[in-house]
Amino acid sequence: MVHESNSKRLLLIIGWVNVIAALLLFQAFCGLMAICMGFVLKKDYQAPTHGLVLIVVGIFSTVIGWLLNHFYM
């Protein structure tokens, strides 16, 4: 049980780092990684709330990152 908790925490950290990176760096790759982490959390780790939030925020950060990149860089 301890191993699953550590894995879940690691997936959450990687997912949120990718959300932030999708705003600034590689929108398509990092946004997709955040969305995938959300799906894994939702399906394999029985964390539907964390998974859904990560999926939605991953989509928004990708779109906002593309818009920021298009208009300001």
PDB file of N, CA and C in Angstrom:
ATOM      1  N   MET A   1       0.825  -1.197   0.000  1.00  0.00           N
ATOM      2  CA  MET A   1       0.000   0.000   0.000  1.00  0.00           C
ATOM      3  C   MET A   1       0.867   1.259   0.000  1.00  0.00           C
ATOM      4  N   VAL A   2       2.005   1.206   0.674  1.00  0.00           N
ATOM      5  CA  VAL A   2       2.893   2.363   0.718  1.00  0.00           C
ATOM      6  C   VAL A   2       3.445   2.652  -0.660  1.00  0.00           C
ATOM      7  N   HIS A   3       3.759   1.606  -1.411  1.00  0.00           N
ATOM      8  CA  HIS A   3       4.303   1.776  -2.759  1.00  0.00           C
ATOM      9  C   HIS A   3       3.305   2.486  -3.670  1.00  0.00           C
ATOM     10  N   GLU A   4       2.044   2.138  -3.579  1.00  0.00           N
ATOM     11  CA  GLU A   4       1.015   2.768  -4.409  1.00  0.00           C
ATOM     12  C   GLU A   4       0.859   4.244  -4.066  1.00  0.00           C
ATOM     13  N   SER A   5       0.959   4.591  -2.802  1.00  0.00           N
ATOM     14  CA  SER A   5       0.839   5.978  -2.385  1.00  0.00           C
ATOM     15  C   SER A   5       1.999   6.810  -2.924  1.00  0.00           C
ATOM     16  N   ASN A   6       3.213   6.268  -2.871  1.00  0.00           N
ATOM     17  CA  ASN A   6       4.369   6.978  -3.410  1.00  0.00           C
ATOM     18  C   ASN A   6       4.268   7.133  -4.915  1.00  0.00           C
ATOM     19  N   SER A   7       3.791   6.113  -5.611  1.00  0.00           N
ATOM     20  CA  SER A   7       3.625   6.186  -7.060  1.00  0.00           C
ATOM     21  C   SER A   7       2.574   7.217  -7.437  1.00  0.00           C
ATOM     22  N   LYS A   8       1.502   7.242  -6.691  1.00  0.00           N
ATOM     23  CA  LYS A   8       0.442   8.215  -6.939  1.00  0.00           C
ATOM     24  C   LYS A   8       0.961   9.634  -6.747  1.00  0.00           C
ATOM     25  N   ARG A   9       1.719   9.854  -5.681  1.00  0.00           N
ATOM     26  CA  ARG A   9       2.290  11.172  -5.407  1.00  0.00           C
ATOM     27  C   ARG A   9       3.266  11.578  -6.512  1.00  0.00           C
ATOM     28  N   LEU A  10       4.069  10.629  -6.988  1.00  0.00           N
ATOM     29  CA  LEU A  10       5.014  10.910  -8.064  1.00  0.00           C
ATOM     30  C   LEU A  10       4.288  11.281  -9.353  1.00  0.00           C
ATOM     31  N   LEU A  11       3.222  10.564  -9.670  1.00  0.00           N
ATOM     32  CA  LEU A  11       2.433  10.899 -10.863  1.00  0.00           C
ATOM     33  C   LEU A  11       1.798  12.281 -10.741  1.00  0.00           C
ATOM     34  N   LEU A  12       1.326  12.628  -9.555  1.00  0.00           N
ATOM     35  CA  LEU A  12       0.767  13.962  -9.346  1.00  0.00           C
ATOM     36  C   LEU A  12       1.816  15.046  -9.548  1.00  0.00           C
ATOM     37  N   ILE A  13       3.003  14.837  -9.009  1.00  0.00           N
ATOM     38  CA  ILE A  13       4.065  15.831  -9.151  1.00  0.00           C
ATOM     39  C   ILE A  13       4.472  15.974 -10.608  1.00  0.00           C
ATOM     40  N   ILE A  14       4.670  14.866 -11.291  1.00  0.00           N
ATOM     41  CA  ILE A  14       5.049  14.919 -12.705  1.00  0.00           C
ATOM     42  C   ILE A  14       3.948  15.584 -13.526  1.00  0.00           C
ATOM     43  N   GLY A  15       2.703  15.272 -13.223  1.00  0.00           N
ATOM     44  CA  GLY A  15       1.587  15.879 -13.950  1.00  0.00           C
ATOM     45  C   GLY A  15       1.532  17.387 -13.774  1.00  0.00           C
ATOM     46  N   TRP A  16       1.687  17.867 -12.535  1.00  0.00           N
ATOM     47  CA  TRP A  16       1.624  19.312 -12.293  1.00  0.00           C
ATOM     48  C   TRP A  16       2.842  20.043 -12.857  1.00  0.00           C
ATOM     49  N   VAL A  17       3.998  19.405 -12.836  1.00  0.00           N
ATOM     50  CA  VAL A  17       5.176  20.012 -13.468  1.00  0.00           C
ATOM     51  C   VAL A  17       4.938  20.154 -14.968  1.00  0.00           C
ATOM     52  N   ASN A  18       4.315  19.161 -15.571  1.00  0.00           N
ATOM     53  CA  ASN A  18       3.996  19.242 -16.999  1.00  0.00           C
ATOM     54  C   ASN A  18       2.949  20.303 -17.295  1.00  0.00           C
ATOM     55  N   VAL A  19       2.015  20.516 -16.382  1.00  0.00           N
ATOM     56  CA  VAL A  19       1.025  21.586 -16.568  1.00  0.00           C
ATOM     57  C   VAL A  19       1.730  22.939 -16.617  1.00  0.00           C
ATOM     58  N   ILE A  20       2.647  23.161 -15.691  1.00  0.00           N
ATOM     59  CA  ILE A  20       3.380  24.430 -15.670  1.00  0.00           C
ATOM     60  C   ILE A  20       4.276  24.549 -16.893  1.00  0.00           C
ATOM     61  N   ALA A  21       4.926  23.471 -17.281  1.00  0.00           N
ATOM     62  CA  ALA A  21       5.796  23.499 -18.453  1.00  0.00           C
ATOM     63  C   ALA A  21       4.999  23.721 -19.732  1.00  0.00           C
ATOM     64  N   ALA A  22       3.747  23.276 -19.770  1.00  0.00           N
ATOM     65  CA  ALA A  22       2.915  23.481 -20.961  1.00  0.00           C
ATOM     66  C   ALA A  22       2.596  24.958 -21.158  1.00  0.00           C
ATOM     67  N   LEU A  23       2.599  25.719 -20.090  1.00  0.00           N
ATOM     68  CA  LEU A  23       2.375  27.158 -20.216  1.00  0.00           C
ATOM     69  C   LEU A  23       3.586  27.864 -20.815  1.00  0.00           C
ATOM     70  N   LEU A  24       4.768  27.354 -20.556  1.00  0.00           N
ATOM     71  CA  LEU A  24       5.982  28.084 -20.893  1.00  0.00           C
ATOM     72  C   LEU A  24       6.812  27.458 -22.009  1.00  0.00           C
ATOM     73  N   LEU A  25       6.910  26.146 -22.072  1.00  0.00           N
ATOM     74  CA  LEU A  25       7.898  25.521 -22.937  1.00  0.00           C
ATOM     75  C   LEU A  25       7.289  24.783 -24.122  1.00  0.00           C
ATOM     76  N   PHE A  26       7.076  23.516 -23.968  1.00  0.00           N
ATOM     77  CA  PHE A  26       6.624  22.654 -25.055  1.00  0.00           C
ATOM     78  C   PHE A  26       5.147  22.334 -24.855  1.00  0.00           C
ATOM     79  N   GLN A  27       4.287  23.140 -25.452  1.00  0.00           N
ATOM     80  CA  GLN A  27       2.862  23.053 -25.163  1.00  0.00           C
ATOM     81  C   GLN A  27       2.281  21.687 -25.509  1.00  0.00           C
ATOM     82  N   ALA A  28       2.523  21.203 -26.709  1.00  0.00           N
ATOM     83  CA  ALA A  28       1.884  19.960 -27.137  1.00  0.00           C
ATOM     84  C   ALA A  28       2.384  18.771 -26.317  1.00  0.00           C
ATOM     85  N   PHE A  29       3.688  18.648 -26.145  1.00  0.00           N
ATOM     86  CA  PHE A  29       4.245  17.499 -25.436  1.00  0.00           C
ATOM     87  C   PHE A  29       3.875  17.520 -23.955  1.00  0.00           C
ATOM     88  N   CYS A  30       4.110  18.641 -23.293  1.00  0.00           N
ATOM     89  CA  CYS A  30       3.860  18.717 -21.852  1.00  0.00           C
ATOM     90  C   CYS A  30       2.368  18.659 -21.531  1.00  0.00           C
ATOM     91  N   GLY A  31       1.560  19.277 -22.360  1.00  0.00           N
ATOM     92  CA  GLY A  31       0.118  19.192 -22.155  1.00  0.00           C
ATOM     93  C   GLY A  31      -0.388  17.769 -22.304  1.00  0.00           C
ATOM     94  N   LEU A  32       0.120  17.079 -23.308  1.00  0.00           N
ATOM     95  CA  LEU A  32      -0.271  15.686 -23.517  1.00  0.00           C
ATOM     96  C   LEU A  32       0.198  14.809 -22.364  1.00  0.00           C
ATOM     97  N   MET A  33       1.386  15.072 -21.850  1.00  0.00           N
ATOM     98  CA  MET A  33       1.886  14.305 -20.706  1.00  0.00           C
ATOM     99  C   MET A  33       1.013  14.528 -19.472  1.00  0.00           C
ATOM    100  N   ALA A  34       0.593  15.764 -19.241  1.00  0.00           N
ATOM    101  CA  ALA A  34      -0.277  16.049 -18.092  1.00  0.00           C
ATOM    102  C   ALA A  34      -1.615  15.333 -18.239  1.00  0.00           C
ATOM    103  N   ILE A  35      -2.159  15.341 -19.443  1.00  0.00           N
ATOM    104  CA  ILE A  35      -3.433  14.665 -19.697  1.00  0.00           C
ATOM    105  C   ILE A  35      -3.277  13.156 -19.495  1.00  0.00           C
ATOM    106  N   CYS A  36      -2.175  12.590 -19.970  1.00  0.00           N
ATOM    107  CA  CYS A  36      -1.931  11.158 -19.786  1.00  0.00           C
ATOM    108  C   CYS A  36      -1.768  10.797 -18.312  1.00  0.00           C
ATOM    109  N   MET A  37      -1.080  11.645 -17.569  1.00  0.00           N
ATOM    110  CA  MET A  37      -0.941  11.393 -16.130  1.00  0.00           C
ATOM    111  C   MET A  37      -2.309  11.423 -15.451  1.00  0.00           C
ATOM    112  N   GLY A  38      -3.178  12.323 -15.893  1.00  0.00           N
ATOM    113  CA  GLY A  38      -4.532  12.371 -15.354  1.00  0.00           C
ATOM    114  C   GLY A  38      -5.313  11.102 -15.647  1.00  0.00           C
ATOM    115  N   PHE A  39      -5.182  10.582 -16.868  1.00  0.00           N
ATOM    116  CA  PHE A  39      -5.867   9.332 -17.216  1.00  0.00           C
ATOM    117  C   PHE A  39      -5.345   8.165 -16.389  1.00  0.00           C
ATOM    118  N   VAL A  40      -4.036   8.092 -16.206  1.00  0.00           N
ATOM    119  CA  VAL A  40      -3.468   7.002 -15.413  1.00  0.00           C
ATOM    120  C   VAL A  40      -3.944   7.090 -13.969  1.00  0.00           C
ATOM    121  N   LEU A  41      -3.942   8.293 -13.413  1.00  0.00           N
ATOM    122  CA  LEU A  41      -4.428   8.452 -12.036  1.00  0.00           C
ATOM    123  C   LEU A  41      -5.895   8.073 -11.918  1.00  0.00           C
ATOM    124  N   LYS A  42      -6.661   8.450 -12.907  1.00  0.00           N
ATOM    125  CA  LYS A  42      -8.101   8.193 -12.853  1.00  0.00           C
ATOM    126  C   LYS A  42      -8.411   6.706 -12.995  1.00  0.00           C
ATOM    127  N   LYS A  43      -7.748   6.019 -13.894  1.00  0.00           N
ATOM    128  CA  LYS A  43      -8.078   4.624 -14.182  1.00  0.00           C
ATOM    129  C   LYS A  43      -7.324   3.627 -13.302  1.00  0.00           C
ATOM    130  N   ASP A  44      -6.015   3.804 -13.155  1.00  0.00           N
ATOM    131  CA  ASP A  44      -5.211   2.790 -12.484  1.00  0.00           C
ATOM    132  C   ASP A  44      -5.070   3.010 -10.984  1.00  0.00           C
ATOM    133  N   TYR A  45      -5.134   4.257 -10.532  1.00  0.00           N
ATOM    134  CA  TYR A  45      -4.898   4.550  -9.125  1.00  0.00           C
ATOM    135  C   TYR A  45      -6.171   4.945  -8.380  1.00  0.00           C
ATOM    136  N   GLN A  46      -7.315   4.791  -8.997  1.00  0.00           N
ATOM    137  CA  GLN A  46      -8.608   5.098  -8.380  1.00  0.00           C
ATOM    138  C   GLN A  46      -8.597   6.474  -7.720  1.00  0.00           C
ATOM    139  N   ALA A  47      -8.128   7.464  -8.463  1.00  0.00           N
ATOM    140  CA  ALA A  47      -8.127   8.852  -7.995  1.00  0.00           C
ATOM    141  C   ALA A  47      -8.886   9.684  -9.019  1.00  0.00           C
ATOM    142  N   PRO A  48     -10.221   9.519  -9.089  1.00  0.00           N
ATOM    143  CA  PRO A  48     -10.972  10.187 -10.145  1.00  0.00           C
ATOM    144  C   PRO A  48     -10.933  11.704 -10.058  1.00  0.00           C
ATOM    145  N   THR A  49     -10.915  12.256  -8.856  1.00  0.00           N
ATOM    146  CA  THR A  49     -10.907  13.709  -8.720  1.00  0.00           C
ATOM    147  C   THR A  49      -9.572  14.286  -9.167  1.00  0.00           C
ATOM    148  N   HIS A  50      -8.484  13.738  -8.675  1.00  0.00           N
ATOM    149  CA  HIS A  50      -7.157  14.214  -9.077  1.00  0.00           C
ATOM    150  C   HIS A  50      -6.954  14.034 -10.578  1.00  0.00           C
ATOM    151  N   GLY A  51      -7.369  12.897 -11.095  1.00  0.00           N
ATOM    152  CA  GLY A  51      -7.198  12.629 -12.516  1.00  0.00           C
ATOM    153  C   GLY A  51      -7.980  13.593 -13.383  1.00  0.00           C
ATOM    154  N   LEU A  52      -9.232  13.829 -13.037  1.00  0.00           N
ATOM    155  CA  LEU A  52     -10.064  14.728 -13.835  1.00  0.00           C
ATOM    156  C   LEU A  52      -9.546  16.162 -13.783  1.00  0.00           C
ATOM    157  N   VAL A  53      -9.134  16.601 -12.609  1.00  0.00           N
ATOM    158  CA  VAL A  53      -8.585  17.957 -12.484  1.00  0.00           C
ATOM    159  C   VAL A  53      -7.325  18.097 -13.327  1.00  0.00           C
ATOM    160  N   LEU A  54      -6.457  17.095 -13.292  1.00  0.00           N
ATOM    161  CA  LEU A  54      -5.226  17.146 -14.072  1.00  0.00           C
ATOM    162  C   LEU A  54      -5.515  17.127 -15.566  1.00  0.00           C
ATOM    163  N   ILE A  55      -6.505  16.390 -16.008  1.00  0.00           N
ATOM    164  CA  ILE A  55      -6.882  16.358 -17.419  1.00  0.00           C
ATOM    165  C   ILE A  55      -7.383  17.727 -17.863  1.00  0.00           C
ATOM    166  N   VAL A  56      -8.304  18.304 -17.111  1.00  0.00           N
ATOM    167  CA  VAL A  56      -8.887  19.599 -17.477  1.00  0.00           C
ATOM    168  C   VAL A  56      -7.837  20.708 -17.447  1.00  0.00           C
ATOM    169  N   VAL A  57      -7.032  20.743 -16.382  1.00  0.00           N
ATOM    170  CA  VAL A  57      -6.002  21.778 -16.280  1.00  0.00           C
ATOM    171  C   VAL A  57      -4.931  21.573 -17.350  1.00  0.00           C
ATOM    172  N   GLY A  58      -4.630  20.334 -17.693  1.00  0.00           N
ATOM    173  CA  GLY A  58      -3.676  20.059 -18.770  1.00  0.00           C
ATOM    174  C   GLY A  58      -4.160  20.599 -20.104  1.00  0.00           C
ATOM    175  N   ILE A  59      -5.443  20.443 -20.384  1.00  0.00           N
ATOM    176  CA  ILE A  59      -6.016  20.972 -21.626  1.00  0.00           C
ATOM    177  C   ILE A  59      -5.966  22.495 -21.617  1.00  0.00           C
ATOM    178  N   PHE A  60      -6.386  23.098 -20.513  1.00  0.00           N
ATOM    179  CA  PHE A  60      -6.378  24.564 -20.429  1.00  0.00           C
ATOM    180  C   PHE A  60      -4.966  25.136 -20.524  1.00  0.00           C
ATOM    181  N   SER A  61      -4.010  24.523 -19.856  1.00  0.00           N
ATOM    182  CA  SER A  61      -2.647  25.052 -19.900  1.00  0.00           C
ATOM    183  C   SER A  61      -2.043  24.912 -21.290  1.00  0.00           C
ATOM    184  N   THR A  62      -2.404  23.867 -22.010  1.00  0.00           N
ATOM    185  CA  THR A  62      -1.920  23.718 -23.382  1.00  0.00           C
ATOM    186  C   THR A  62      -2.473  24.816 -24.268  1.00  0.00           C
ATOM    187  N   VAL A  63      -3.760  25.056 -24.171  1.00  0.00           N
ATOM    188  CA  VAL A  63      -4.388  26.094 -25.000  1.00  0.00           C
ATOM    189  C   VAL A  63      -3.868  27.479 -24.622  1.00  0.00           C
ATOM    190  N   ILE A  64      -3.779  27.763 -23.339  1.00  0.00           N
ATOM    191  CA  ILE A  64      -3.273  29.069 -22.893  1.00  0.00           C
ATOM    192  C   ILE A  64      -1.806  29.228 -23.289  1.00  0.00           C
ATOM    193  N   GLY A  65      -1.019  28.169 -23.186  1.00  0.00           N
ATOM    194  CA  GLY A  65       0.379  28.220 -23.609  1.00  0.00           C
ATOM    195  C   GLY A  65       0.519  28.514 -25.085  1.00  0.00           C
ATOM    196  N   TRP A  66      -0.330  27.893 -25.911  1.00  0.00           N
ATOM    197  CA  TRP A  66      -0.304  28.181 -27.357  1.00  0.00           C
ATOM    198  C   TRP A  66      -0.668  29.641 -27.623  1.00  0.00           C
ATOM    199  N   LEU A  67      -1.686  30.124 -26.912  1.00  0.00           N
ATOM    200  CA  LEU A  67      -2.090  31.526 -27.114  1.00  0.00           C
ATOM    201  C   LEU A  67      -0.989  32.485 -26.662  1.00  0.00           C
ATOM    202  N   LEU A  68      -0.379  32.225 -25.528  1.00  0.00           N
ATOM    203  CA  LEU A  68       0.715  33.082 -25.066  1.00  0.00           C
ATOM    204  C   LEU A  68       1.890  33.038 -26.038  1.00  0.00           C
ATOM    205  N   ASN A  69       2.195  31.875 -26.535  1.00  0.00           N
ATOM    206  CA  ASN A  69       3.287  31.736 -27.486  1.00  0.00           C
ATOM    207  C   ASN A  69       2.974  32.459 -28.792  1.00  0.00           C
ATOM    208  N   HIS A  70       1.744  32.398 -29.220  1.00  0.00           N
ATOM    209  CA  HIS A  70       1.364  33.017 -30.484  1.00  0.00           C
ATOM    210  C   HIS A  70       1.354  34.550 -30.395  1.00  0.00           C
ATOM    211  N   PHE A  71       0.833  35.086 -29.304  1.00  0.00           N
ATOM    212  CA  PHE A  71       0.666  36.526 -29.219  1.00  0.00           C
ATOM    213  C   PHE A  71       1.857  37.272 -28.619  1.00  0.00           C
ATOM    214  N   TYR A  72       2.644  36.611 -27.768  1.00  0.00           N
ATOM    215  CA  TYR A  72       3.674  37.355 -27.047  1.00  0.00           C
ATOM    216  C   TYR A  72       5.098  36.907 -27.354  1.00  0.00           C
ATOM    217  N   MET A  73       5.284  35.851 -28.109  1.00  0.00           N
ATOM    218  CA  MET A  73       6.662  35.413 -28.365  1.00  0.00           C
ATOM    219  C   MET A  73       6.960  35.394 -29.833  1.00  0.00           C
TER     220      MET A  73
END
